[in-house]
N, C-alpha and C. Protein backbone atom coordinates (compact mmCIF):
# COMPACT_ATOMS: atom_id res chain seq x y z
N UNK A 1 -51.48 55.28 46.76
CA UNK A 1 -50.45 54.46 46.15
C UNK A 1 -49.36 55.34 45.53
N UNK A 2 -49.77 56.45 44.96
CA UNK A 2 -48.83 57.35 44.32
C UNK A 2 -47.84 57.91 45.34
N UNK A 3 -48.32 58.21 46.52
CA UNK A 3 -47.47 58.75 47.58
C UNK A 3 -46.51 57.68 48.12
N UNK A 4 -46.90 56.42 47.99
CA UNK A 4 -46.08 55.32 48.50
C UNK A 4 -44.75 55.26 47.76
N UNK A 5 -44.76 55.49 46.45
CA UNK A 5 -43.53 55.43 45.65
C UNK A 5 -42.66 56.68 45.82
N UNK A 6 -43.20 57.71 46.44
CA UNK A 6 -42.42 58.91 46.73
C UNK A 6 -41.73 58.80 48.09
N UNK A 7 -42.16 57.84 48.89
CA UNK A 7 -41.60 57.64 50.22
C UNK A 7 -40.23 56.95 50.08
N UNK A 8 -39.20 57.64 50.52
CA UNK A 8 -37.83 57.15 50.35
C UNK A 8 -37.58 55.86 51.14
N UNK A 9 -38.10 55.76 52.35
CA UNK A 9 -37.90 54.56 53.17
C UNK A 9 -38.55 53.34 52.51
N UNK A 10 -39.73 53.53 51.92
CA UNK A 10 -40.40 52.43 51.23
C UNK A 10 -39.57 51.96 50.03
N UNK A 11 -39.02 52.91 49.29
CA UNK A 11 -38.21 52.56 48.12
C UNK A 11 -36.94 51.82 48.54
N UNK A 12 -36.32 52.24 49.65
CA UNK A 12 -35.14 51.53 50.15
C UNK A 12 -35.49 50.10 50.57
N UNK A 13 -36.60 49.94 51.24
CA UNK A 13 -37.03 48.61 51.66
C UNK A 13 -37.33 47.74 50.45
N UNK A 14 -38.00 48.31 49.46
CA UNK A 14 -38.31 47.57 48.24
C UNK A 14 -37.03 47.19 47.49
N UNK A 15 -36.09 48.11 47.42
CA UNK A 15 -34.80 47.83 46.77
C UNK A 15 -34.01 46.77 47.52
N UNK A 16 -34.04 46.81 48.82
CA UNK A 16 -33.35 45.81 49.63
C UNK A 16 -33.92 44.42 49.44
N UNK A 17 -35.25 44.34 49.38
CA UNK A 17 -35.89 43.05 49.16
C UNK A 17 -35.55 42.51 47.78
N UNK A 18 -35.57 43.38 46.78
CA UNK A 18 -35.24 42.96 45.42
C UNK A 18 -33.78 42.50 45.34
N UNK A 19 -32.87 43.20 46.01
CA UNK A 19 -31.46 42.83 46.01
C UNK A 19 -31.25 41.48 46.71
N UNK A 20 -31.98 41.25 47.79
CA UNK A 20 -31.86 39.97 48.50
C UNK A 20 -32.33 38.82 47.62
N UNK A 21 -33.42 39.01 46.93
CA UNK A 21 -33.94 37.95 46.05
C UNK A 21 -32.96 37.69 44.90
N UNK A 22 -32.48 38.76 44.29
CA UNK A 22 -31.54 38.62 43.18
C UNK A 22 -30.22 38.00 43.66
N UNK A 23 -29.75 38.43 44.81
CA UNK A 23 -28.52 37.89 45.36
C UNK A 23 -28.60 36.42 45.66
N UNK A 24 -29.72 35.99 46.18
CA UNK A 24 -29.90 34.57 46.48
C UNK A 24 -29.89 33.75 45.19
N UNK A 25 -30.52 34.26 44.16
CA UNK A 25 -30.53 33.56 42.87
C UNK A 25 -29.11 33.44 42.31
N UNK A 26 -28.35 34.51 42.43
CA UNK A 26 -26.98 34.51 41.91
C UNK A 26 -26.09 33.56 42.71
N UNK A 27 -26.19 33.61 44.03
CA UNK A 27 -25.34 32.79 44.88
C UNK A 27 -25.63 31.30 44.70
N UNK A 28 -26.87 30.93 44.53
CA UNK A 28 -27.21 29.51 44.41
C UNK A 28 -27.13 28.99 42.98
N UNK A 29 -26.74 29.83 42.04
CA UNK A 29 -26.65 29.39 40.64
C UNK A 29 -25.47 28.45 40.44
N UNK A 30 -25.63 27.49 39.57
CA UNK A 30 -24.59 26.51 39.27
C UNK A 30 -23.35 27.19 38.66
N UNK A 31 -23.58 28.14 37.79
CA UNK A 31 -22.47 28.84 37.13
C UNK A 31 -21.62 29.61 38.14
N UNK A 32 -22.25 30.20 39.15
CA UNK A 32 -21.52 30.92 40.19
C UNK A 32 -20.59 29.97 40.93
N UNK A 33 -21.08 28.79 41.25
CA UNK A 33 -20.25 27.78 41.93
C UNK A 33 -19.09 27.36 41.04
N UNK A 34 -19.35 27.14 39.77
CA UNK A 34 -18.29 26.75 38.84
C UNK A 34 -17.21 27.83 38.76
N UNK A 35 -17.63 29.09 38.69
CA UNK A 35 -16.67 30.18 38.63
C UNK A 35 -15.85 30.29 39.92
N UNK A 36 -16.50 30.09 41.06
CA UNK A 36 -15.81 30.16 42.33
C UNK A 36 -14.78 29.04 42.47
N UNK A 37 -15.17 27.84 42.09
CA UNK A 37 -14.26 26.69 42.17
C UNK A 37 -13.09 26.89 41.20
N UNK A 38 -13.38 27.36 40.01
CA UNK A 38 -12.33 27.60 39.02
C UNK A 38 -11.35 28.66 39.52
N UNK A 39 -11.86 29.74 40.08
CA UNK A 39 -10.99 30.79 40.61
C UNK A 39 -10.13 30.30 41.76
N UNK A 40 -10.71 29.50 42.63
CA UNK A 40 -9.96 28.94 43.76
C UNK A 40 -8.86 28.01 43.27
N UNK A 41 -9.18 27.17 42.28
CA UNK A 41 -8.18 26.26 41.72
C UNK A 41 -7.03 27.02 41.08
N UNK A 42 -7.33 28.08 40.37
CA UNK A 42 -6.27 28.89 39.75
C UNK A 42 -5.41 29.55 40.82
N UNK A 43 -6.02 30.02 41.89
CA UNK A 43 -5.27 30.62 42.98
C UNK A 43 -4.36 29.61 43.66
N UNK A 44 -4.84 28.40 43.86
CA UNK A 44 -4.03 27.35 44.47
C UNK A 44 -2.86 26.97 43.58
N UNK A 45 -3.09 26.90 42.28
CA UNK A 45 -2.02 26.58 41.33
C UNK A 45 -0.97 27.69 41.33
N UNK A 46 -1.42 28.93 41.36
CA UNK A 46 -0.50 30.06 41.39
C UNK A 46 0.37 30.02 42.65
N UNK A 47 -0.23 29.71 43.78
CA UNK A 47 0.51 29.61 45.03
C UNK A 47 1.54 28.49 44.96
N UNK A 48 1.12 27.34 44.43
CA UNK A 48 2.04 26.21 44.30
C UNK A 48 3.21 26.56 43.39
N UNK A 49 2.92 27.18 42.25
CA UNK A 49 3.98 27.57 41.32
C UNK A 49 4.94 28.58 41.95
N UNK A 50 4.41 29.51 42.73
CA UNK A 50 5.26 30.52 43.38
C UNK A 50 6.17 29.86 44.41
N UNK A 51 5.64 28.92 45.19
CA UNK A 51 6.46 28.23 46.18
C UNK A 51 7.55 27.40 45.50
N UNK A 52 7.19 26.77 44.39
CA UNK A 52 8.16 25.96 43.65
C UNK A 52 9.27 26.84 43.08
N UNK A 53 8.92 27.99 42.53
CA UNK A 53 9.92 28.92 41.99
C UNK A 53 10.84 29.43 43.09
N UNK A 54 10.27 29.75 44.24
CA UNK A 54 11.06 30.24 45.36
C UNK A 54 12.04 29.17 45.82
N UNK A 55 11.59 27.93 45.91
CA UNK A 55 12.47 26.84 46.32
C UNK A 55 13.60 26.65 45.32
N UNK A 56 13.30 26.77 44.02
CA UNK A 56 14.34 26.65 43.00
C UNK A 56 15.38 27.76 43.15
N UNK A 57 14.92 28.98 43.44
CA UNK A 57 15.85 30.09 43.64
C UNK A 57 16.75 29.84 44.85
N UNK A 58 16.18 29.32 45.94
CA UNK A 58 16.97 29.02 47.13
C UNK A 58 18.01 27.95 46.82
N UNK A 59 17.61 26.91 46.09
CA UNK A 59 18.54 25.84 45.75
C UNK A 59 19.68 26.36 44.87
N UNK A 60 19.35 27.18 43.89
CA UNK A 60 20.38 27.75 43.01
C UNK A 60 21.33 28.65 43.79
N UNK A 61 20.80 29.44 44.71
CA UNK A 61 21.64 30.31 45.53
C UNK A 61 22.58 29.49 46.41
N UNK A 62 22.08 28.40 46.97
CA UNK A 62 22.93 27.53 47.79
C UNK A 62 24.03 26.90 46.95
N UNK A 63 23.70 26.48 45.74
CA UNK A 63 24.71 25.91 44.84
C UNK A 63 25.77 26.94 44.48
N UNK A 64 25.36 28.16 44.19
CA UNK A 64 26.32 29.22 43.85
C UNK A 64 27.22 29.51 45.04
N UNK A 65 26.65 29.55 46.22
CA UNK A 65 27.42 29.81 47.44
C UNK A 65 28.43 28.68 47.67
N UNK A 66 28.00 27.45 47.49
CA UNK A 66 28.89 26.30 47.66
C UNK A 66 30.04 26.36 46.66
N UNK A 67 29.70 26.64 45.39
CA UNK A 67 30.74 26.73 44.36
C UNK A 67 31.74 27.85 44.67
N UNK A 68 31.24 28.98 45.16
CA UNK A 68 32.12 30.10 45.50
C UNK A 68 33.05 29.73 46.65
N UNK A 69 32.55 29.00 47.63
CA UNK A 69 33.39 28.57 48.75
C UNK A 69 34.47 27.60 48.29
N UNK A 70 34.09 26.67 47.42
CA UNK A 70 35.06 25.72 46.89
C UNK A 70 36.13 26.45 46.09
N UNK A 71 35.70 27.39 45.27
CA UNK A 71 36.63 28.15 44.44
C UNK A 71 37.57 29.01 45.29
N UNK A 72 37.07 29.52 46.42
CA UNK A 72 37.88 30.35 47.29
C UNK A 72 38.79 29.53 48.19
N UNK A 73 38.60 28.20 48.19
CA UNK A 73 39.43 27.33 49.00
C UNK A 73 38.99 27.25 50.44
N UNK A 74 37.79 27.67 50.72
CA UNK A 74 37.28 27.57 52.09
C UNK A 74 36.82 26.14 52.32
N UNK A 75 37.18 25.60 53.47
CA UNK A 75 36.75 24.24 53.79
C UNK A 75 35.23 24.25 53.93
N UNK A 76 34.56 23.56 53.05
CA UNK A 76 33.11 23.62 52.97
C UNK A 76 32.47 23.05 54.22
N UNK A 77 33.02 21.96 54.76
CA UNK A 77 32.46 21.37 55.97
C UNK A 77 32.59 22.32 57.14
N UNK A 78 33.73 23.01 57.22
CA UNK A 78 33.96 23.98 58.28
C UNK A 78 33.03 25.19 58.15
N UNK A 79 32.83 25.64 56.92
CA UNK A 79 32.01 26.83 56.67
C UNK A 79 30.54 26.57 56.94
N UNK A 80 30.10 25.34 56.75
CA UNK A 80 28.68 25.02 56.98
C UNK A 80 28.34 24.98 58.44
N UNK A 81 29.32 24.75 59.30
CA UNK A 81 29.07 24.70 60.74
C UNK A 81 28.95 26.07 61.24
């Protein structure tokens, strides 16, 4: 038995089995699911906010461009074509 714990392959196999058991417990835990769902929701909100900010910037840039064309006396209908 003493020689068994000195065998590196046996220790790797034992460590792998222990990691698999521990990993399964962690993955199936309720708290892990709650954390994953919470993280996903935050990521989705961040994406939505970024898209909204980008759209606002595009709208503001279009307004500035339109105002500049009007101020320069460029026919806006002609310039848009």
